[in-house]
């Protein structure tokens, strides 16, 4: 189902000005951009667009009351600075499962947020990036433990010979 159709379905005969939560998970966005969402959603506090093949946030409308934004399992790789401008009250952001390669894209968003509101964002999920770091740390720890075991084994051999 396309994003525009899903938004109309989720409205359930309500005006966009009345909606506070909007869940658009698993719908299809054309050309990787947001469609059908506009500035009339003035009271929107929670927006979920998980697994919609979203690659750009350039067409995100101004959502001044938005506090929670779920963007997991998309193909976003940058352009997060738009969030600081369009969603000034954002406190929760989930970016896990996206194509973000380095933390500099997220750090730019955090710095802009701190400058504007002088408060930190409460939670930013970057699940896949953390896993990569953990794997590297685990690998290093295994190597160190293996070296320590080998050293201990050699030390025992020398102690038994004397």
N, C-alpha and C. Protein backbone atom coordinates (compact mmCIF):
# COMPACT_ATOMS: atom_id res chain seq x y z
N UNK A 1 0.84 -1.17 0.00
CA UNK A 1 0.00 0.00 0.00
C UNK A 1 0.89 1.24 0.00
N UNK A 2 0.54 2.23 -0.78
CA UNK A 2 1.32 3.46 -0.84
C UNK A 2 1.07 4.33 0.39
N UNK A 3 2.02 5.21 0.66
CA UNK A 3 1.97 6.04 1.86
C UNK A 3 0.74 6.95 1.89
N UNK A 4 0.39 7.57 0.76
CA UNK A 4 -0.78 8.46 0.73
C UNK A 4 -2.05 7.71 1.12
N UNK A 5 -2.23 6.53 0.56
CA UNK A 5 -3.41 5.72 0.86
C UNK A 5 -3.43 5.31 2.32
N UNK A 6 -2.25 4.96 2.84
CA UNK A 6 -2.16 4.54 4.24
C UNK A 6 -2.50 5.69 5.18
N UNK A 7 -2.07 6.90 4.85
CA UNK A 7 -2.40 8.06 5.69
C UNK A 7 -3.91 8.28 5.70
N UNK A 8 -4.55 8.21 4.54
CA UNK A 8 -6.02 8.35 4.48
C UNK A 8 -6.71 7.28 5.29
N UNK A 9 -6.18 6.07 5.25
CA UNK A 9 -6.76 4.97 6.02
C UNK A 9 -6.60 5.20 7.53
N UNK A 10 -5.42 5.67 7.93
CA UNK A 10 -5.14 5.90 9.35
C UNK A 10 -5.92 7.09 9.93
N UNK A 11 -6.34 8.00 9.09
CA UNK A 11 -7.11 9.16 9.59
C UNK A 11 -8.46 8.73 10.17
N UNK A 12 -9.06 7.68 9.61
CA UNK A 12 -10.34 7.16 10.11
C UNK A 12 -11.39 8.25 10.26
N UNK A 13 -11.65 8.98 9.21
CA UNK A 13 -12.65 10.05 9.16
C UNK A 13 -12.39 11.18 10.15
N UNK A 14 -11.14 11.37 10.52
CA UNK A 14 -10.77 12.49 11.39
C UNK A 14 -10.04 13.52 10.54
N UNK A 15 -10.03 14.74 11.01
CA UNK A 15 -9.28 15.79 10.34
C UNK A 15 -7.80 15.65 10.73
N UNK A 16 -6.87 15.96 9.83
CA UNK A 16 -5.44 15.85 10.16
C UNK A 16 -5.03 16.70 11.37
N UNK A 17 -5.76 17.77 11.64
CA UNK A 17 -5.45 18.63 12.78
C UNK A 17 -5.69 17.95 14.12
N UNK A 18 -6.53 16.90 14.13
CA UNK A 18 -6.89 16.21 15.37
C UNK A 18 -5.98 15.04 15.71
N UNK A 19 -5.23 14.54 14.75
CA UNK A 19 -4.43 13.33 14.92
C UNK A 19 -3.19 13.61 15.77
N UNK A 20 -2.97 12.76 16.80
CA UNK A 20 -1.79 12.89 17.64
C UNK A 20 -0.79 11.76 17.39
N UNK A 21 -1.26 10.61 16.88
CA UNK A 21 -0.40 9.47 16.57
C UNK A 21 -0.68 8.99 15.16
N UNK A 22 0.40 8.67 14.44
CA UNK A 22 0.26 8.19 13.08
C UNK A 22 1.27 7.07 12.85
N UNK A 23 0.78 5.87 12.52
CA UNK A 23 1.63 4.71 12.30
C UNK A 23 1.54 4.34 10.82
N UNK A 24 2.66 4.49 10.12
CA UNK A 24 2.72 4.20 8.69
C UNK A 24 3.69 3.06 8.39
N UNK A 25 3.89 2.18 9.32
CA UNK A 25 4.84 1.08 9.17
C UNK A 25 4.49 0.18 7.99
N UNK A 26 5.53 -0.29 7.31
CA UNK A 26 5.44 -1.28 6.23
C UNK A 26 4.65 -0.83 5.01
N UNK A 27 4.40 0.45 4.85
CA UNK A 27 3.77 0.91 3.61
C UNK A 27 4.88 1.30 2.62
N UNK A 28 4.53 1.63 1.43
CA UNK A 28 5.51 1.89 0.39
C UNK A 28 5.60 3.38 0.09
N UNK A 29 6.80 3.94 0.17
CA UNK A 29 6.97 5.34 -0.22
C UNK A 29 7.64 5.37 -1.59
N UNK A 30 7.12 6.22 -2.46
CA UNK A 30 7.60 6.31 -3.83
C UNK A 30 8.87 7.15 -3.87
N UNK A 31 9.88 6.69 -4.58
CA UNK A 31 11.17 7.38 -4.75
C UNK A 31 11.90 7.62 -3.43
N UNK A 32 11.56 6.90 -2.38
CA UNK A 32 12.26 7.02 -1.11
C UNK A 32 11.96 8.30 -0.36
N UNK A 33 10.87 8.98 -0.69
CA UNK A 33 10.52 10.25 -0.03
C UNK A 33 9.13 10.16 0.59
N UNK A 34 8.89 11.06 1.54
CA UNK A 34 7.62 11.11 2.24
C UNK A 34 6.56 11.72 1.33
N UNK A 35 5.40 11.08 1.28
CA UNK A 35 4.29 11.59 0.48
C UNK A 35 3.01 11.58 1.29
N UNK A 36 2.19 12.61 1.15
CA UNK A 36 0.90 12.66 1.81
C UNK A 36 0.92 13.27 3.19
N UNK A 37 2.07 13.44 3.77
CA UNK A 37 2.20 14.05 5.08
C UNK A 37 2.49 15.53 4.88
N UNK A 38 1.69 16.39 5.51
CA UNK A 38 1.88 17.83 5.30
C UNK A 38 1.75 18.62 6.59
N UNK A 39 1.77 19.93 6.50
CA UNK A 39 1.75 20.81 7.67
C UNK A 39 0.42 20.82 8.41
N UNK A 40 -0.61 20.20 7.89
CA UNK A 40 -1.92 20.21 8.57
C UNK A 40 -1.94 19.29 9.79
N UNK A 41 -0.96 18.42 9.95
CA UNK A 41 -0.88 17.54 11.12
C UNK A 41 -0.23 18.32 12.26
N UNK A 42 -0.93 19.29 12.80
CA UNK A 42 -0.37 20.22 13.79
C UNK A 42 -0.20 19.62 15.17
N UNK A 43 -1.05 18.66 15.55
CA UNK A 43 -0.99 18.07 16.90
C UNK A 43 -0.24 16.75 16.95
N UNK A 44 0.40 16.36 15.86
CA UNK A 44 1.07 15.06 15.79
C UNK A 44 2.24 14.99 16.77
N UNK A 45 2.18 14.02 17.69
CA UNK A 45 3.22 13.84 18.70
C UNK A 45 4.04 12.58 18.47
N UNK A 46 3.46 11.57 17.82
CA UNK A 46 4.15 10.31 17.55
C UNK A 46 3.97 9.93 16.09
N UNK A 47 5.08 9.68 15.40
CA UNK A 47 5.05 9.29 14.00
C UNK A 47 5.96 8.08 13.81
N UNK A 48 5.41 7.02 13.24
CA UNK A 48 6.19 5.82 13.00
C UNK A 48 6.19 5.52 11.50
N UNK A 49 7.39 5.49 10.93
CA UNK A 49 7.57 5.15 9.52
C UNK A 49 8.66 4.09 9.43
N UNK A 50 8.43 2.96 10.06
CA UNK A 50 9.40 1.86 10.06
C UNK A 50 9.20 0.99 8.83
N UNK A 51 10.30 0.62 8.20
CA UNK A 51 10.30 -0.28 7.05
C UNK A 51 9.42 0.23 5.91
N UNK A 52 9.65 1.47 5.48
CA UNK A 52 8.91 2.05 4.36
C UNK A 52 9.82 2.39 3.18
N UNK A 53 11.08 1.94 3.23
CA UNK A 53 12.08 2.21 2.20
C UNK A 53 12.33 3.70 2.02
N UNK A 54 12.36 4.42 3.11
CA UNK A 54 12.59 5.85 3.11
C UNK A 54 14.09 6.13 3.02
N UNK A 55 14.48 6.99 2.08
CA UNK A 55 15.90 7.32 1.92
C UNK A 55 16.19 8.79 2.19
N UNK A 56 15.17 9.62 2.23
CA UNK A 56 15.37 11.06 2.41
C UNK A 56 14.29 11.64 3.30
N UNK A 57 14.70 12.60 4.12
CA UNK A 57 13.75 13.33 4.98
C UNK A 57 13.50 14.74 4.46
N UNK A 58 13.89 15.00 3.23
CA UNK A 58 13.78 16.35 2.66
C UNK A 58 12.34 16.84 2.58
N UNK A 59 11.38 15.95 2.37
CA UNK A 59 9.99 16.36 2.23
C UNK A 59 9.21 16.24 3.54
N UNK A 60 9.91 16.13 4.65
CA UNK A 60 9.25 16.09 5.95
C UNK A 60 8.66 17.46 6.26
N UNK A 61 7.37 17.53 6.59
CA UNK A 61 6.77 18.83 6.90
C UNK A 61 7.16 19.31 8.30
N UNK A 62 6.87 20.55 8.61
CA UNK A 62 7.12 21.07 9.96
C UNK A 62 6.12 20.45 10.91
N UNK A 63 6.63 19.74 11.89
CA UNK A 63 5.80 19.08 12.90
C UNK A 63 6.29 19.56 14.27
N UNK A 64 5.82 20.70 14.71
CA UNK A 64 6.33 21.35 15.92
C UNK A 64 6.07 20.58 17.20
N UNK A 65 5.00 19.79 17.27
CA UNK A 65 4.69 19.06 18.50
C UNK A 65 5.20 17.63 18.50
N UNK A 66 5.85 17.21 17.44
CA UNK A 66 6.34 15.83 17.34
C UNK A 66 7.41 15.56 18.39
N UNK A 67 7.20 14.52 19.19
CA UNK A 67 8.15 14.15 20.24
C UNK A 67 8.85 12.83 19.93
N UNK A 68 8.14 11.88 19.34
CA UNK A 68 8.71 10.56 19.07
C UNK A 68 8.63 10.27 17.58
N UNK A 69 9.78 9.85 17.04
CA UNK A 69 9.87 9.54 15.62
C UNK A 69 10.56 8.20 15.43
N UNK A 70 9.87 7.28 14.82
CA UNK A 70 10.36 5.92 14.57
C UNK A 70 10.71 5.81 13.09
N UNK A 71 12.00 5.66 12.78
CA UNK A 71 12.47 5.55 11.40
C UNK A 71 13.31 4.29 11.18
N UNK A 72 13.05 3.26 11.93
CA UNK A 72 13.89 2.05 11.85
C UNK A 72 13.65 1.29 10.54
N UNK A 73 14.68 0.53 10.14
CA UNK A 73 14.63 -0.35 8.98
C UNK A 73 14.29 0.36 7.68
N UNK A 74 14.93 1.50 7.45
CA UNK A 74 14.81 2.23 6.19
C UNK A 74 16.18 2.27 5.54
N UNK A 75 16.35 3.11 4.53
CA UNK A 75 17.65 3.22 3.85
C UNK A 75 18.19 4.64 3.95
N UNK A 76 17.97 5.28 5.08
CA UNK A 76 18.44 6.64 5.33
C UNK A 76 19.95 6.59 5.57
N UNK A 77 20.69 7.46 4.91
CA UNK A 77 22.14 7.50 5.11
C UNK A 77 22.62 8.87 5.55
N UNK A 78 21.80 9.87 5.51
CA UNK A 78 22.20 11.22 5.92
C UNK A 78 21.03 12.17 5.84
N UNK A 79 21.32 13.46 5.95
CA UNK A 79 20.28 14.48 5.87
C UNK A 79 19.44 14.60 7.12
N UNK A 80 20.01 14.23 8.26
CA UNK A 80 19.25 14.28 9.51
C UNK A 80 19.13 15.69 10.09
N UNK A 81 19.87 16.64 9.52
CA UNK A 81 19.81 18.03 10.00
C UNK A 81 18.41 18.60 9.84
N UNK A 82 17.65 18.07 8.90
CA UNK A 82 16.28 18.52 8.64
C UNK A 82 15.42 18.34 9.90
N UNK A 83 15.70 17.30 10.66
CA UNK A 83 14.90 17.02 11.86
C UNK A 83 14.99 18.14 12.88
N UNK A 84 16.15 18.73 13.03
CA UNK A 84 16.33 19.81 14.01
C UNK A 84 15.49 21.03 13.63
N UNK A 85 15.35 21.28 12.35
CA UNK A 85 14.56 22.42 11.89
C UNK A 85 13.07 22.14 11.93
N UNK A 86 12.67 20.99 11.43
CA UNK A 86 11.25 20.68 11.24
C UNK A 86 10.58 20.12 12.49
N UNK A 87 11.34 19.50 13.38
CA UNK A 87 10.79 18.87 14.58
C UNK A 87 11.55 19.38 15.81
N UNK A 88 11.31 20.60 16.25
CA UNK A 88 12.10 21.17 17.33
C UNK A 88 11.91 20.52 18.70
N UNK A 89 10.81 19.81 18.92
CA UNK A 89 10.54 19.21 20.24
C UNK A 89 10.79 17.70 20.26
N UNK A 90 11.52 17.19 19.30
CA UNK A 90 11.80 15.76 19.20
C UNK A 90 12.66 15.29 20.37
N UNK A 91 12.18 14.26 21.09
CA UNK A 91 12.95 13.73 22.22
C UNK A 91 13.31 12.26 22.04
N UNK A 92 12.68 11.56 21.12
CA UNK A 92 12.96 10.14 20.89
C UNK A 92 13.09 9.91 19.39
N UNK A 93 14.19 9.28 19.01
CA UNK A 93 14.45 9.01 17.60
C UNK A 93 15.04 7.61 17.46
N UNK A 94 14.44 6.78 16.63
CA UNK A 94 14.95 5.43 16.40
C UNK A 94 15.43 5.36 14.96
N UNK A 95 16.73 5.15 14.77
CA UNK A 95 17.34 5.05 13.45
C UNK A 95 17.97 3.68 13.21
N UNK A 96 17.61 2.69 13.99
CA UNK A 96 18.23 1.38 13.85
C UNK A 96 17.86 0.75 12.51
N UNK A 97 18.81 0.04 11.93
CA UNK A 97 18.57 -0.64 10.68
C UNK A 97 18.64 0.24 9.45
N UNK A 98 19.23 1.43 9.55
CA UNK A 98 19.39 2.32 8.41
C UNK A 98 20.80 2.20 7.85
N UNK A 99 21.11 2.95 6.83
CA UNK A 99 22.40 2.87 6.14
C UNK A 99 23.39 3.93 6.64
N UNK A 100 23.29 4.33 7.87
CA UNK A 100 24.19 5.33 8.44
C UNK A 100 25.54 4.68 8.67
N UNK A 101 26.58 5.24 8.07
CA UNK A 101 27.90 4.62 8.13
C UNK A 101 28.78 5.18 9.24
N UNK A 102 28.63 6.45 9.56
CA UNK A 102 29.45 7.01 10.64
C UNK A 102 28.59 7.89 11.54
N UNK A 103 29.07 8.08 12.73
CA UNK A 103 28.31 8.82 13.73
C UNK A 103 28.28 10.33 13.48
N UNK A 104 29.07 10.84 12.57
CA UNK A 104 29.10 12.28 12.34
C UNK A 104 27.74 12.81 11.87
N UNK A 105 26.97 12.00 11.14
CA UNK A 105 25.65 12.46 10.71
C UNK A 105 24.70 12.62 11.89
N UNK A 106 24.78 11.74 12.85
CA UNK A 106 23.93 11.83 14.04
C UNK A 106 24.44 12.90 14.99
N UNK A 107 25.75 13.03 15.11
CA UNK A 107 26.33 14.05 15.99
C UNK A 107 25.93 15.45 15.55
N UNK A 108 25.85 15.68 14.25
CA UNK A 108 25.44 16.99 13.75
C UNK A 108 24.02 17.30 14.23
N UNK A 109 23.16 16.31 14.21
CA UNK A 109 21.79 16.49 14.69
C UNK A 109 21.77 16.81 16.18
N UNK A 110 22.57 16.09 16.96
CA UNK A 110 22.61 16.31 18.40
C UNK A 110 23.15 17.70 18.74
N UNK A 111 24.18 18.14 18.03
CA UNK A 111 24.74 19.47 18.29
C UNK A 111 23.73 20.56 17.96
N UNK A 112 23.03 20.42 16.87
CA UNK A 112 22.02 21.40 16.50
C UNK A 112 20.90 21.42 17.52
N UNK A 113 20.53 20.28 18.01
CA UNK A 113 19.48 20.17 19.01
C UNK A 113 19.89 20.87 20.30
N UNK A 114 21.14 20.67 20.72
CA UNK A 114 21.61 21.28 21.96
C UNK A 114 21.71 22.79 21.83
N UNK A 115 22.10 23.27 20.68
CA UNK A 115 22.21 24.71 20.48
C UNK A 115 20.85 25.38 20.54
N UNK A 116 19.85 24.75 19.91
CA UNK A 116 18.53 25.36 19.82
C UNK A 116 17.80 25.33 21.15
N UNK A 117 17.75 24.18 21.78
CA UNK A 117 16.90 24.01 22.95
C UNK A 117 17.69 23.84 24.25
N UNK A 118 18.99 23.70 24.14
CA UNK A 118 19.86 23.48 25.30
C UNK A 118 19.40 22.29 26.13
N UNK A 119 18.95 21.26 25.41
CA UNK A 119 18.65 20.01 26.10
C UNK A 119 18.96 18.88 25.16
N UNK A 120 19.37 17.78 25.71
CA UNK A 120 19.78 16.65 24.90
C UNK A 120 18.58 15.80 24.51
N UNK A 121 18.71 15.15 23.40
CA UNK A 121 17.70 14.19 22.99
C UNK A 121 17.81 12.99 23.93
N UNK A 122 16.70 12.49 24.38
CA UNK A 122 16.72 11.43 25.38
C UNK A 122 17.26 10.11 24.85
N UNK A 123 16.89 9.73 23.64
CA UNK A 123 17.25 8.40 23.19
C UNK A 123 17.41 8.39 21.68
N UNK A 124 18.51 7.87 21.24
CA UNK A 124 18.74 7.67 19.81
C UNK A 124 19.19 6.23 19.63
N UNK A 125 18.41 5.46 18.92
CA UNK A 125 18.75 4.06 18.68
C UNK A 125 19.56 3.93 17.41
N UNK A 126 20.69 3.28 17.52
CA UNK A 126 21.54 2.98 16.38
C UNK A 126 22.00 1.54 16.51
N UNK A 127 21.07 0.65 16.49
CA UNK A 127 21.31 -0.75 16.81
C UNK A 127 22.44 -1.37 16.01
N UNK A 128 22.42 -1.28 14.70
CA UNK A 128 23.41 -1.98 13.88
C UNK A 128 24.82 -1.46 14.11
N UNK A 129 24.99 -0.17 14.31
CA UNK A 129 26.33 0.38 14.53
C UNK A 129 26.91 -0.13 15.84
N UNK A 130 26.10 -0.24 16.86
CA UNK A 130 26.58 -0.74 18.14
C UNK A 130 27.03 -2.18 18.04
N UNK A 131 26.31 -2.98 17.26
CA UNK A 131 26.68 -4.38 17.10
C UNK A 131 28.06 -4.51 16.49
N UNK A 132 28.33 -3.69 15.46
CA UNK A 132 29.64 -3.75 14.83
C UNK A 132 30.74 -3.45 15.83
N UNK A 133 30.52 -2.42 16.64
CA UNK A 133 31.53 -2.07 17.64
C UNK A 133 31.71 -3.17 18.66
N UNK A 134 30.60 -3.77 19.11
CA UNK A 134 30.68 -4.85 20.09
C UNK A 134 31.46 -6.03 19.54
N UNK A 135 31.22 -6.36 18.29
CA UNK A 135 31.93 -7.49 17.69
C UNK A 135 33.42 -7.24 17.68
N UNK A 136 33.83 -6.01 17.34
CA UNK A 136 35.26 -5.69 17.34
C UNK A 136 35.82 -5.80 18.75
N UNK A 137 35.08 -5.28 19.74
CA UNK A 137 35.55 -5.36 21.12
C UNK A 137 35.66 -6.81 21.58
N UNK A 138 34.66 -7.62 21.24
CA UNK A 138 34.69 -9.03 21.63
C UNK A 138 35.88 -9.74 21.01
N UNK A 139 36.14 -9.46 19.73
CA UNK A 139 37.26 -10.08 19.05
C UNK A 139 38.57 -9.71 19.73
N UNK A 140 38.73 -8.44 20.09
CA UNK A 140 39.95 -8.00 20.77
C UNK A 140 40.09 -8.67 22.14
N UNK A 141 38.98 -8.77 22.86
CA UNK A 141 39.03 -9.40 24.18
C UNK A 141 39.38 -10.89 24.07
N UNK A 142 38.82 -11.56 23.06
CA UNK A 142 39.15 -12.97 22.87
C UNK A 142 40.64 -13.15 22.60
N UNK A 143 41.19 -12.28 21.76
CA UNK A 143 42.61 -12.35 21.45
C UNK A 143 43.44 -12.13 22.72
N UNK A 144 43.08 -11.16 23.53
CA UNK A 144 43.82 -10.90 24.76
C UNK A 144 43.73 -12.08 25.71
N UNK A 145 42.54 -12.67 25.82
CA UNK A 145 42.38 -13.81 26.72
C UNK A 145 43.18 -15.01 26.21
N UNK A 146 43.19 -15.19 24.89
CA UNK A 146 43.95 -16.29 24.32
C UNK A 146 45.44 -16.10 24.58
N UNK A 147 45.93 -14.87 24.42
CA UNK A 147 47.33 -14.57 24.70
C UNK A 147 47.65 -14.81 26.16
N UNK A 148 46.72 -14.42 27.05
CA UNK A 148 46.94 -14.62 28.48
C UNK A 148 47.00 -16.10 28.82
N UNK A 149 46.11 -16.90 28.21
CA UNK A 149 46.12 -18.35 28.45
C UNK A 149 47.42 -18.97 27.96
N UNK A 150 47.85 -18.56 26.76
CA UNK A 150 49.12 -19.08 26.22
C UNK A 150 50.29 -18.70 27.12
N UNK A 151 50.30 -17.48 27.60
CA UNK A 151 51.37 -17.02 28.47
C UNK A 151 51.36 -17.83 29.76
N UNK A 152 50.17 -18.06 30.33
CA UNK A 152 50.05 -18.82 31.57
C UNK A 152 50.53 -20.26 31.36
N UNK A 153 50.19 -20.87 30.22
CA UNK A 153 50.61 -22.22 29.91
C UNK A 153 52.13 -22.30 29.81
N UNK A 154 52.74 -21.33 29.15
CA UNK A 154 54.20 -21.29 29.03
C UNK A 154 54.86 -21.08 30.38
N UNK A 155 54.29 -20.24 31.20
CA UNK A 155 54.85 -19.98 32.52
C UNK A 155 54.84 -21.24 33.37
N UNK A 156 53.74 -22.03 33.28
CA UNK A 156 53.65 -23.29 34.03
C UNK A 156 54.69 -24.29 33.55
N UNK A 157 54.90 -24.35 32.23
CA UNK A 157 55.92 -25.26 31.68
C UNK A 157 57.28 -24.94 32.25
N UNK A 158 57.63 -23.66 32.25
CA UNK A 158 58.94 -23.25 32.76
C UNK A 158 59.04 -23.50 34.26
N UNK A 159 57.94 -23.32 34.98
CA UNK A 159 57.96 -23.55 36.42
C UNK A 159 58.14 -25.03 36.74
N UNK A 160 57.57 -25.91 35.94
CA UNK A 160 57.67 -27.35 36.19
C UNK A 160 59.06 -27.88 35.86
N UNK A 161 59.79 -27.21 34.96
CA UNK A 161 61.13 -27.66 34.60
C UNK A 161 62.19 -27.28 35.63
N UNK A 162 61.88 -26.34 36.45
CA UNK A 162 62.89 -25.89 37.41
C UNK A 162 62.75 -26.50 38.75
